[in-house]
């Protein structure tokens, strides 16, 4: 996949850095919340794996959770896709996912995670109506991660974890 074009000037870098991308913070915060839950699930599975899990890269943490049975293969695939997008955001300064990429990710998540409060379906509807990523409110992006964390939290509590306290 070719990298997006480079930023040609310092002024362009400044404008890009200050640009209005309300979805970006929600996406990155959501990624961190999912990572936190994945680490909790590994630690709960075997407390002796806590230090090991803390040293894993995100993809390795996802793979470990699938191997120990805390996430399904379909969930793993969604989490890998999210992480790939996060990596592009972290390492390609001009990368902005298209609305079609986001719709594809949300559609994939809808098939793998429980949409407990309809956040995924509402987000999909908003994306299809709006059609532009930067015009969407940040809740659209937060809701995807809330729904994923609901499923991971359910797994945590079903394995004996406290519903509120970690």
N, C-alpha and C. Protein backbone atom coordinates (compact mmCIF):
# COMPACT_ATOMS: atom_id res chain seq x y z
N UNK A 1 0.84 -1.17 0.00
CA UNK A 1 0.00 0.00 0.00
C UNK A 1 0.89 1.24 0.00
N UNK A 2 0.67 2.14 -0.95
CA UNK A 2 1.51 3.34 -0.99
C UNK A 2 1.18 4.27 0.16
N UNK A 3 2.22 4.95 0.64
CA UNK A 3 2.02 5.91 1.72
C UNK A 3 1.35 7.16 1.17
N UNK A 4 0.57 7.84 2.01
CA UNK A 4 -0.03 9.10 1.57
C UNK A 4 1.07 10.11 1.24
N UNK A 5 0.75 11.12 0.45
CA UNK A 5 1.77 12.10 0.08
C UNK A 5 2.34 12.81 1.31
N UNK A 6 3.60 13.19 1.20
CA UNK A 6 4.27 13.88 2.29
C UNK A 6 3.68 15.29 2.47
N UNK A 7 3.89 15.82 3.63
CA UNK A 7 3.48 17.20 3.89
C UNK A 7 4.55 18.11 3.29
N UNK A 8 4.17 19.01 2.39
CA UNK A 8 5.18 19.76 1.62
C UNK A 8 5.84 20.94 2.35
N UNK A 9 5.16 21.50 3.36
CA UNK A 9 5.71 22.69 4.01
C UNK A 9 5.46 22.63 5.51
N UNK A 10 6.20 23.48 6.23
CA UNK A 10 5.96 23.58 7.67
C UNK A 10 4.57 24.12 7.95
N UNK A 11 4.11 25.05 7.15
CA UNK A 11 2.75 25.59 7.33
C UNK A 11 1.71 24.49 7.15
N UNK A 12 1.92 23.62 6.18
CA UNK A 12 1.00 22.51 5.97
C UNK A 12 1.03 21.55 7.16
N UNK A 13 2.22 21.33 7.73
CA UNK A 13 2.32 20.49 8.92
C UNK A 13 1.55 21.13 10.07
N UNK A 14 1.71 22.41 10.25
CA UNK A 14 1.00 23.15 11.30
C UNK A 14 -0.51 23.03 11.13
N UNK A 15 -0.99 23.26 9.91
CA UNK A 15 -2.43 23.17 9.64
C UNK A 15 -2.94 21.75 9.85
N UNK A 16 -2.16 20.78 9.42
CA UNK A 16 -2.57 19.38 9.60
C UNK A 16 -2.66 19.02 11.08
N UNK A 17 -1.69 19.47 11.84
CA UNK A 17 -1.64 19.16 13.27
C UNK A 17 -2.82 19.78 14.01
N UNK A 18 -3.21 20.97 13.62
CA UNK A 18 -4.32 21.66 14.27
C UNK A 18 -5.66 21.38 13.63
N UNK A 19 -5.66 20.60 12.56
CA UNK A 19 -6.89 20.32 11.83
C UNK A 19 -7.96 19.69 12.71
N UNK A 20 -9.19 19.94 12.36
CA UNK A 20 -10.32 19.43 13.11
C UNK A 20 -10.63 18.00 12.69
N UNK A 21 -10.19 17.07 13.52
CA UNK A 21 -10.47 15.64 13.31
C UNK A 21 -11.03 15.08 14.61
N UNK A 22 -12.32 15.34 14.90
CA UNK A 22 -12.89 14.94 16.18
C UNK A 22 -12.87 13.44 16.41
N UNK A 23 -12.81 12.68 15.38
CA UNK A 23 -12.82 11.23 15.48
C UNK A 23 -11.49 10.67 15.98
N UNK A 24 -10.38 11.41 15.77
CA UNK A 24 -9.06 10.87 16.06
C UNK A 24 -8.86 10.56 17.54
N UNK A 25 -9.18 11.48 18.41
CA UNK A 25 -9.02 11.24 19.85
C UNK A 25 -9.89 10.09 20.33
N UNK A 26 -11.12 10.05 19.84
CA UNK A 26 -12.03 8.96 20.23
C UNK A 26 -11.49 7.61 19.76
N UNK A 27 -10.94 7.58 18.56
CA UNK A 27 -10.40 6.33 18.03
C UNK A 27 -9.21 5.86 18.86
N UNK A 28 -8.29 6.78 19.14
CA UNK A 28 -7.09 6.40 19.90
C UNK A 28 -7.42 6.02 21.34
N UNK A 29 -8.33 6.76 21.97
CA UNK A 29 -8.76 6.42 23.33
C UNK A 29 -9.45 5.06 23.37
N UNK A 30 -10.26 4.80 22.36
CA UNK A 30 -10.94 3.51 22.28
C UNK A 30 -9.96 2.37 22.12
N UNK A 31 -8.96 2.56 21.29
CA UNK A 31 -7.92 1.55 21.09
C UNK A 31 -7.23 1.23 22.42
N UNK A 32 -6.94 2.26 23.20
CA UNK A 32 -6.30 2.07 24.51
C UNK A 32 -7.22 1.34 25.49
N UNK A 33 -8.51 1.65 25.45
CA UNK A 33 -9.47 0.97 26.33
C UNK A 33 -9.55 -0.52 26.00
N UNK A 34 -9.56 -0.85 24.72
CA UNK A 34 -9.59 -2.25 24.30
C UNK A 34 -8.31 -2.95 24.77
N UNK A 35 -7.17 -2.29 24.59
CA UNK A 35 -5.90 -2.88 25.04
C UNK A 35 -5.92 -3.15 26.54
N UNK A 36 -6.46 -2.21 27.31
CA UNK A 36 -6.57 -2.39 28.76
C UNK A 36 -7.38 -3.64 29.08
N UNK A 37 -8.53 -3.80 28.42
CA UNK A 37 -9.39 -4.96 28.69
C UNK A 37 -8.71 -6.26 28.26
N UNK A 38 -8.00 -6.24 27.15
CA UNK A 38 -7.29 -7.45 26.72
C UNK A 38 -6.24 -7.86 27.74
N UNK A 39 -5.54 -6.90 28.31
CA UNK A 39 -4.54 -7.20 29.34
C UNK A 39 -5.22 -7.76 30.60
N UNK A 40 -6.36 -7.19 30.96
CA UNK A 40 -7.10 -7.69 32.13
C UNK A 40 -7.52 -9.14 31.92
N UNK A 41 -7.97 -9.46 30.71
CA UNK A 41 -8.40 -10.82 30.43
C UNK A 41 -7.23 -11.81 30.52
N UNK A 42 -6.07 -11.42 30.04
CA UNK A 42 -4.90 -12.29 30.14
C UNK A 42 -4.52 -12.48 31.60
N UNK A 43 -4.48 -11.40 32.34
CA UNK A 43 -4.13 -11.46 33.76
C UNK A 43 -5.12 -12.33 34.54
N UNK A 44 -6.37 -12.21 34.19
CA UNK A 44 -7.40 -13.01 34.85
C UNK A 44 -7.24 -14.49 34.51
N UNK A 45 -6.88 -14.77 33.27
CA UNK A 45 -6.69 -16.14 32.83
C UNK A 45 -5.57 -16.82 33.63
N UNK A 46 -4.45 -16.08 33.79
CA UNK A 46 -3.33 -16.59 34.59
C UNK A 46 -2.51 -15.39 35.05
N UNK A 47 -2.56 -15.13 36.33
CA UNK A 47 -1.88 -13.95 36.88
C UNK A 47 -0.39 -13.96 36.57
N UNK A 48 0.17 -15.15 36.37
CA UNK A 48 1.60 -15.25 36.05
C UNK A 48 1.91 -14.72 34.65
N UNK A 49 0.88 -14.53 33.82
CA UNK A 49 1.09 -14.00 32.48
C UNK A 49 1.01 -12.47 32.43
N UNK A 50 0.74 -11.83 33.56
CA UNK A 50 0.55 -10.38 33.58
C UNK A 50 1.76 -9.64 33.05
N UNK A 51 2.93 -9.91 33.58
CA UNK A 51 4.15 -9.24 33.13
C UNK A 51 4.45 -9.53 31.67
N UNK A 52 4.23 -10.76 31.26
CA UNK A 52 4.43 -11.15 29.87
C UNK A 52 3.50 -10.35 28.96
N UNK A 53 2.23 -10.28 29.33
CA UNK A 53 1.24 -9.55 28.53
C UNK A 53 1.57 -8.06 28.45
N UNK A 54 2.09 -7.52 29.54
CA UNK A 54 2.43 -6.10 29.56
C UNK A 54 3.53 -5.75 28.56
N UNK A 55 4.36 -6.73 28.19
CA UNK A 55 5.46 -6.49 27.27
C UNK A 55 5.10 -6.79 25.81
N UNK A 56 3.88 -7.28 25.56
CA UNK A 56 3.49 -7.63 24.19
C UNK A 56 3.06 -6.41 23.40
N UNK A 57 3.33 -6.46 22.10
CA UNK A 57 2.75 -5.47 21.20
C UNK A 57 1.26 -5.78 21.08
N UNK A 58 0.50 -4.82 20.59
CA UNK A 58 -0.96 -4.95 20.58
C UNK A 58 -1.42 -6.18 19.78
N UNK A 59 -0.85 -6.40 18.62
CA UNK A 59 -1.27 -7.56 17.81
C UNK A 59 -0.98 -8.86 18.54
N UNK A 60 0.16 -8.93 19.21
CA UNK A 60 0.50 -10.13 19.96
C UNK A 60 -0.48 -10.34 21.12
N UNK A 61 -0.90 -9.26 21.72
CA UNK A 61 -1.88 -9.34 22.81
C UNK A 61 -3.22 -9.85 22.30
N UNK A 62 -3.60 -9.39 21.13
CA UNK A 62 -4.83 -9.88 20.50
C UNK A 62 -4.71 -11.38 20.23
N UNK A 63 -3.60 -11.78 19.63
CA UNK A 63 -3.39 -13.20 19.31
C UNK A 63 -3.41 -14.06 20.57
N UNK A 64 -2.78 -13.60 21.63
CA UNK A 64 -2.77 -14.35 22.89
C UNK A 64 -4.19 -14.51 23.42
N UNK A 65 -4.98 -13.46 23.36
CA UNK A 65 -6.36 -13.57 23.84
C UNK A 65 -7.17 -14.56 23.02
N UNK A 66 -6.93 -14.62 21.73
CA UNK A 66 -7.63 -15.64 20.94
C UNK A 66 -7.16 -17.03 21.35
N UNK A 67 -5.87 -17.20 21.56
CA UNK A 67 -5.32 -18.51 21.92
C UNK A 67 -5.84 -19.00 23.26
N UNK A 68 -6.07 -18.10 24.21
CA UNK A 68 -6.57 -18.54 25.52
C UNK A 68 -8.11 -18.56 25.56
N UNK A 69 -8.74 -18.21 24.46
CA UNK A 69 -10.18 -18.34 24.34
C UNK A 69 -11.00 -17.20 24.90
N UNK A 70 -10.39 -16.04 25.10
CA UNK A 70 -11.16 -14.91 25.63
C UNK A 70 -11.80 -14.06 24.53
N UNK A 71 -11.35 -14.24 23.29
CA UNK A 71 -12.01 -13.61 22.14
C UNK A 71 -12.14 -14.64 21.04
N UNK A 72 -13.12 -14.44 20.18
CA UNK A 72 -13.37 -15.34 19.06
C UNK A 72 -12.48 -14.97 17.87
N UNK A 73 -12.36 -15.86 16.90
CA UNK A 73 -11.61 -15.51 15.68
C UNK A 73 -12.19 -14.27 14.97
N UNK A 74 -13.51 -14.14 14.94
CA UNK A 74 -14.13 -12.97 14.30
C UNK A 74 -13.77 -11.69 15.06
N UNK A 75 -13.79 -11.76 16.38
CA UNK A 75 -13.40 -10.60 17.18
C UNK A 75 -11.93 -10.27 16.96
N UNK A 76 -11.11 -11.29 16.91
CA UNK A 76 -9.68 -11.08 16.65
C UNK A 76 -9.49 -10.32 15.35
N UNK A 77 -10.20 -10.72 14.30
CA UNK A 77 -10.05 -10.07 13.00
C UNK A 77 -10.42 -8.59 13.06
N UNK A 78 -11.48 -8.26 13.78
CA UNK A 78 -11.87 -6.85 13.92
C UNK A 78 -10.79 -6.09 14.69
N UNK A 79 -10.32 -6.66 15.78
CA UNK A 79 -9.30 -5.98 16.59
C UNK A 79 -8.00 -5.80 15.81
N UNK A 80 -7.67 -6.75 14.98
CA UNK A 80 -6.48 -6.61 14.12
C UNK A 80 -6.69 -5.47 13.13
N UNK A 81 -7.87 -5.40 12.53
CA UNK A 81 -8.17 -4.31 11.57
C UNK A 81 -8.11 -2.95 12.26
N UNK A 82 -8.64 -2.86 13.47
CA UNK A 82 -8.56 -1.61 14.23
C UNK A 82 -7.10 -1.25 14.50
N UNK A 83 -6.31 -2.23 14.90
CA UNK A 83 -4.90 -1.97 15.20
C UNK A 83 -4.13 -1.56 13.95
N UNK A 84 -4.45 -2.16 12.82
CA UNK A 84 -3.78 -1.78 11.57
C UNK A 84 -4.09 -0.31 11.24
N UNK A 85 -5.33 0.09 11.45
CA UNK A 85 -5.68 1.48 11.21
C UNK A 85 -4.96 2.39 12.19
N UNK A 86 -4.90 1.99 13.44
CA UNK A 86 -4.19 2.78 14.45
C UNK A 86 -2.72 2.92 14.09
N UNK A 87 -2.12 1.86 13.59
CA UNK A 87 -0.72 1.91 13.18
C UNK A 87 -0.51 2.89 12.04
N UNK A 88 -1.41 2.90 11.09
CA UNK A 88 -1.30 3.88 9.99
C UNK A 88 -1.42 5.30 10.53
N UNK A 89 -2.35 5.50 11.46
CA UNK A 89 -2.51 6.83 12.05
C UNK A 89 -1.26 7.25 12.82
N UNK A 90 -0.59 6.29 13.46
CA UNK A 90 0.58 6.59 14.27
C UNK A 90 1.85 6.79 13.44
N UNK A 91 1.92 6.19 12.27
CA UNK A 91 3.18 6.17 11.53
C UNK A 91 3.13 6.85 10.16
N UNK A 92 1.95 7.27 9.74
CA UNK A 92 1.80 7.96 8.46
C UNK A 92 1.06 9.27 8.73
N UNK A 93 1.78 10.33 8.86
CA UNK A 93 1.22 11.59 9.36
C UNK A 93 0.04 12.09 8.52
N UNK A 94 0.02 11.83 7.23
CA UNK A 94 -1.08 12.33 6.41
C UNK A 94 -2.20 11.32 6.21
N UNK A 95 -2.10 10.17 6.86
CA UNK A 95 -3.15 9.16 6.68
C UNK A 95 -4.45 9.60 7.35
N UNK A 96 -5.48 9.61 6.60
CA UNK A 96 -6.84 9.78 7.10
C UNK A 96 -7.67 8.70 6.45
N UNK A 97 -8.26 7.81 7.25
CA UNK A 97 -9.07 6.75 6.64
C UNK A 97 -10.26 7.35 5.90
N UNK A 98 -10.67 6.66 4.87
CA UNK A 98 -11.86 7.11 4.13
C UNK A 98 -13.11 6.70 4.89
N UNK A 99 -14.21 7.31 4.55
CA UNK A 99 -15.49 6.93 5.17
C UNK A 99 -15.81 5.48 4.82
N UNK A 100 -15.43 5.04 3.63
CA UNK A 100 -15.68 3.65 3.24
C UNK A 100 -14.86 2.67 4.08
N UNK A 101 -13.61 3.05 4.43
CA UNK A 101 -12.81 2.20 5.32
C UNK A 101 -13.49 2.08 6.68
N UNK A 102 -13.98 3.19 7.19
CA UNK A 102 -14.65 3.17 8.50
C UNK A 102 -15.93 2.36 8.44
N UNK A 103 -16.70 2.54 7.40
CA UNK A 103 -17.95 1.77 7.25
C UNK A 103 -17.62 0.28 7.21
N UNK A 104 -16.57 -0.08 6.49
CA UNK A 104 -16.16 -1.49 6.43
C UNK A 104 -15.77 -2.03 7.80
N UNK A 105 -15.05 -1.22 8.56
CA UNK A 105 -14.63 -1.64 9.91
C UNK A 105 -15.84 -1.81 10.82
N UNK A 106 -16.76 -0.85 10.79
CA UNK A 106 -17.97 -0.92 11.62
C UNK A 106 -18.82 -2.12 11.21
N UNK A 107 -18.92 -2.38 9.91
CA UNK A 107 -19.70 -3.52 9.43
C UNK A 107 -19.10 -4.83 9.92
N UNK A 108 -17.79 -4.92 9.85
CA UNK A 108 -17.09 -6.11 10.35
C UNK A 108 -17.33 -6.27 11.85
N UNK A 109 -17.28 -5.17 12.60
CA UNK A 109 -17.50 -5.22 14.05
C UNK A 109 -18.93 -5.63 14.38
N UNK A 110 -19.87 -5.18 13.57
CA UNK A 110 -21.28 -5.52 13.81
C UNK A 110 -21.51 -7.03 13.76
N UNK A 111 -20.69 -7.73 12.97
CA UNK A 111 -20.82 -9.18 12.87
C UNK A 111 -20.05 -9.94 13.93
N UNK A 112 -19.21 -9.26 14.70
CA UNK A 112 -18.35 -9.95 15.66
C UNK A 112 -18.63 -9.59 17.11
N UNK A 113 -19.22 -8.43 17.35
CA UNK A 113 -19.46 -7.97 18.71
C UNK A 113 -20.94 -7.72 18.92
N UNK A 114 -21.36 -7.81 20.18
CA UNK A 114 -22.74 -7.54 20.55
C UNK A 114 -22.95 -6.04 20.52
N UNK A 115 -23.97 -5.60 19.84
CA UNK A 115 -24.27 -4.17 19.76
C UNK A 115 -25.29 -3.83 20.85
N UNK A 116 -24.82 -3.92 22.08
CA UNK A 116 -25.68 -3.85 23.26
C UNK A 116 -26.58 -2.62 23.29
N UNK A 117 -26.04 -1.46 22.98
CA UNK A 117 -26.85 -0.23 23.02
C UNK A 117 -27.03 0.36 21.63
N UNK A 118 -26.86 -0.45 20.60
CA UNK A 118 -27.03 -0.05 19.19
C UNK A 118 -26.02 0.99 18.73
N UNK A 119 -24.91 1.11 19.43
CA UNK A 119 -23.90 2.10 19.06
C UNK A 119 -23.25 1.83 17.71
N UNK A 120 -23.04 0.56 17.39
CA UNK A 120 -22.43 0.23 16.10
C UNK A 120 -23.41 0.54 14.98
N UNK A 121 -24.65 0.10 15.11
CA UNK A 121 -25.63 0.34 14.05
C UNK A 121 -25.93 1.83 13.90
N UNK A 122 -25.99 2.56 15.01
CA UNK A 122 -26.21 4.00 14.92
C UNK A 122 -25.03 4.69 14.25
N UNK A 123 -23.82 4.25 14.57
CA UNK A 123 -22.63 4.81 13.94
C UNK A 123 -22.61 4.55 12.44
N UNK A 124 -22.97 3.34 12.05
CA UNK A 124 -23.04 3.02 10.62
C UNK A 124 -24.04 3.92 9.92
N UNK A 125 -25.19 4.11 10.53
CA UNK A 125 -26.22 4.96 9.94
C UNK A 125 -25.71 6.39 9.79
N UNK A 126 -25.06 6.91 10.82
CA UNK A 126 -24.52 8.28 10.76
C UNK A 126 -23.48 8.41 9.64
N UNK A 127 -22.61 7.42 9.52
CA UNK A 127 -21.57 7.48 8.49
C UNK A 127 -22.17 7.48 7.09
N UNK A 128 -23.18 6.65 6.90
CA UNK A 128 -23.80 6.54 5.58
C UNK A 128 -24.55 7.81 5.21
N UNK A 129 -25.15 8.47 6.19
CA UNK A 129 -25.89 9.71 5.94
C UNK A 129 -24.92 10.87 5.72
N UNK A 130 -23.95 10.98 6.59
CA UNK A 130 -23.03 12.13 6.54
C UNK A 130 -22.07 12.02 5.36
N UNK A 131 -21.45 10.86 5.23
CA UNK A 131 -20.57 10.63 4.10
C UNK A 131 -19.19 11.25 4.20
N UNK A 132 -18.93 12.02 5.25
CA UNK A 132 -17.60 12.64 5.43
C UNK A 132 -17.14 12.39 6.85
N UNK A 133 -15.96 11.87 6.98
CA UNK A 133 -15.41 11.49 8.27
C UNK A 133 -15.32 12.66 9.24
N UNK A 134 -14.77 13.77 8.80
CA UNK A 134 -14.53 14.90 9.69
C UNK A 134 -15.79 15.66 10.08
N UNK A 135 -16.91 15.31 9.49
CA UNK A 135 -18.18 15.95 9.86
C UNK A 135 -18.92 15.19 10.95
N UNK A 136 -18.42 14.00 11.29
CA UNK A 136 -19.09 13.17 12.28
C UNK A 136 -18.69 13.57 13.70
N UNK A 137 -19.62 13.46 14.60
CA UNK A 137 -19.33 13.71 16.02
C UNK A 137 -18.47 12.58 16.58
N UNK A 138 -17.70 12.89 17.59
CA UNK A 138 -16.78 11.90 18.16
C UNK A 138 -17.51 10.70 18.76
N UNK A 139 -18.78 10.87 19.20
CA UNK A 139 -19.51 9.74 19.81
C UNK A 139 -19.62 8.58 18.84
N UNK A 140 -19.68 8.87 17.54
CA UNK A 140 -19.81 7.81 16.54
C UNK A 140 -18.64 6.83 16.68
N UNK A 141 -17.46 7.36 16.91
CA UNK A 141 -16.26 6.54 17.00
C UNK A 141 -16.12 5.91 18.38
N UNK A 142 -16.46 6.66 19.40
CA UNK A 142 -16.40 6.13 20.76
C UNK A 142 -17.31 4.93 20.92
N UNK A 143 -18.47 4.98 20.32
CA UNK A 143 -19.45 3.90 20.48
C UNK A 143 -18.95 2.56 20.00
N UNK A 144 -18.15 2.54 18.94
CA UNK A 144 -17.61 1.26 18.48
C UNK A 144 -16.81 0.61 19.61
N UNK A 145 -15.96 1.40 20.25
CA UNK A 145 -15.10 0.87 21.29
C UNK A 145 -15.86 0.55 22.57
N UNK A 146 -16.89 1.30 22.84
CA UNK A 146 -17.75 0.99 23.98
C UNK A 146 -18.38 -0.38 23.79
N UNK A 147 -18.88 -0.64 22.58
CA UNK A 147 -19.52 -1.93 22.31
C UNK A 147 -18.51 -3.08 22.43
N UNK A 148 -17.31 -2.88 21.91
CA UNK A 148 -16.26 -3.90 22.02
C UNK A 148 -15.93 -4.14 23.49
N UNK A 149 -15.77 -3.05 24.25
CA UNK A 149 -15.43 -3.20 25.67
C UNK A 149 -16.55 -3.85 26.46
N UNK A 150 -17.82 -3.62 26.06
CA UNK A 150 -18.91 -4.33 26.72
C UNK A 150 -18.71 -5.84 26.59
N UNK A 151 -18.38 -6.31 25.38
CA UNK A 151 -18.18 -7.74 25.18
C UNK A 151 -16.97 -8.25 25.97
N UNK A 152 -15.88 -7.50 25.96
CA UNK A 152 -14.70 -7.92 26.71
C UNK A 152 -14.98 -7.91 28.21
N UNK A 153 -15.76 -6.95 28.66
CA UNK A 153 -16.12 -6.89 30.09
C UNK A 153 -17.04 -8.06 30.46
N UNK A 154 -17.95 -8.40 29.56
CA UNK A 154 -18.82 -9.56 29.80
C UNK A 154 -17.98 -10.82 29.95
N UNK A 155 -16.99 -10.98 29.09
CA UNK A 155 -16.08 -12.13 29.19
C UNK A 155 -15.36 -12.11 30.54
N UNK A 156 -14.93 -10.94 30.94
CA UNK A 156 -14.23 -10.76 32.22
C UNK A 156 -15.12 -11.17 33.39
N UNK A 157 -16.36 -10.71 33.40
CA UNK A 157 -17.25 -11.04 34.52
C UNK A 157 -17.68 -12.50 34.48
N UNK A 158 -17.88 -13.05 33.30
CA UNK A 158 -18.26 -14.46 33.20
C UNK A 158 -17.13 -15.39 33.67
N UNK A 159 -15.93 -14.91 33.65
CA UNK A 159 -14.78 -15.68 34.13
C UNK A 159 -14.50 -15.39 35.61
N UNK A 160 -15.43 -14.68 36.27
CA UNK A 160 -15.31 -14.45 37.70
C UNK A 160 -14.87 -13.08 38.12
N UNK A 161 -14.62 -12.19 37.18
CA UNK A 161 -14.20 -10.83 37.53
C UNK A 161 -15.36 -10.03 38.11
N UNK A 162 -15.01 -9.08 38.96
CA UNK A 162 -15.99 -8.19 39.55
C UNK A 162 -16.61 -7.31 38.47
N UNK A 163 -17.89 -7.06 38.56
CA UNK A 163 -18.57 -6.27 37.54
C UNK A 163 -18.05 -4.83 37.48
N UNK A 164 -17.63 -4.29 38.60
CA UNK A 164 -17.20 -2.90 38.62
C UNK A 164 -15.69 -2.75 38.86
N UNK A 165 -15.18 -3.42 39.85
CA UNK A 165 -13.77 -3.22 40.25
C UNK A 165 -12.84 -4.13 39.45
N UNK A 166 -11.70 -3.60 39.10
CA UNK A 166 -10.66 -4.42 38.46
C UNK A 166 -9.65 -4.78 39.52
